[in-house]
Amino acid sequence: MVIPHSTCSLNTYNTYNSLNIEKSKSVKKLVSGLRINSASDDSPGLAISEKMRSKIRGLDQAQRNIQDGISLIQTVDGALSSIGNTLTRMEEIAIQASNGVLSYSDRQSVQEEITQLYLGVENISNNTKFNSIKLLDGSNVTNTPGTEEFVEVETTLSDPNLRLAAVVFDYTRNLSQYLAVGIVNFPTNLNSPYNAMFTFENPPLNPNFIYSPLGEDTDSTIENMLRTVEDLKNDTSGDPIKTAQKRFLIDNNISLTRYGVDVLVIKHSTATNFTYHAGGPDGSGVCSGTTWVEKGWTADFIYHELKTTPPSSSSAPVTLQVGPDMGDTFKIELPNSKPANLGLNGIDVTNQYNAQAAVSKIDKAMSTISSQRSKFGAYNNALEHIASNVLNSSINLTSAESRIRDTDMAMEYTKYTKFSILQESAQMLLKEANLSKERVLYLLNF
């Protein structure tokens, strides 16, 4: 027997210490509920778990962002609903004013209510906000000009009594900023008619008719527009006006009148001055055909296609972050629901004809509002589906992270019990190992 060193006791002691360390770790896991309390517990698992936790927190914030977006959409929808109700009332009383049995004073009373309802729509569009963001005033919309490269329509009159009955254009966009006719510039975004005049003396008898608009387009509305050009003539040389951005050549005291959206009418006139009335922006498009009529005469129009770069309207949409990563976004384009943009400017019901025209304007405005509400309803549904997917991703990722990071309590308690039993056994064996050395002292006493 070797007395200086008790190998059995040392081995038992080392085992006892190891069991004590493992038991302490087990207690820590049971108390915290986490399998990984430090990097030493499971360094790869800790890295994966931390990455998952970051994603989970991002998904949870995205869920809150989506709910904010849904609240914004519901705010817009509520405001558009109010505008729609107002327009319904406007249409109702405009139809009432269209009735021929009403007197002027009756229609004047209706006009007063129309005016107040108009102001109500403007108030809603100007003051509807979400977190200080204006939602319906169109402040987020910017327009990008387009260009017209070329359009030319020619024909030659062989009889001065012939007149152009109609030219029909297919308009898809409209002009903004300025038009030039001859040497006179006209701002086209007008809320009321704008007049300008110039005169050409002694026009030739049989010049060519040329329509050649050049210049820029920008995005605005072409609906509910009335435009009149009267007594537009050639100069004394018979040449087109070459310095203008917009050129019209009509011979023999003919007036050109633009009605509504898609019909251009030229008819005979004897006036000597040119007058241009603009109640809205000009348009761009392609001439689709015309007929010259007088005493049974007809002639086809020769035309060239308008080559355009259409104007575009861009906006700064409200962009929602709907996920934890860059690019996980959802864009909400806010509408412009101001009365002017809805084509409600200048509504007049003080006579029967204007009241009937007002009904048409209001009906188109209601159609626009309905379309906008439908769009925001689609936004709402899309966000609800995105929210459901984000929530599902968060739940599944949380479950996966939990399996990596959290303690399996039943398994860990089993380990704790095992370590406790082994630790007690080690204590007993250590005591026994120490007692074995005492037997040597017992022998020495004899």
Foldseek 3Di string as FASTA:
>chain_A
DDQVDLVLLVVLVVVLVVLVVLLVLLVVQLVVQWQDPDCVSPVVLVVVLVVLVLQLVQLVVLLVLLVLVLVLLVLQLVLLVVLLVLLVVLLVVLVVLLDPVDDLVRQVVNVVSNVVSLVVLQCSQQPRDDPNHRFAACPFKDWFKKWWDKKKWKDKDPDLPKKWFKWWWDFDFFAAQWFWEQHDIDGQADQFWDKDKDFAPDADRIAMWIWIATDIGMGADQFPWWKWKFQAADHNVSDWRPPGNTTTHDHDRKTWTDDGRTMIGIGHDDDGMIIIIHNHTGTDGFTDWTWIDDPRDTDTMDIDGIDMDHMDMDGDFDWTQNGSDPPNIDTDHGHHLNCVRLVQRPQGSSHNVSSVVNSVSSVSSSVVSVVVSVVSVVVSVVSVVSSVVSVVVSVVSVVVSCVSIGDPNVVSVVSSVVSVVSSVVSVVSSVVSVVVSVVVVVVVVD
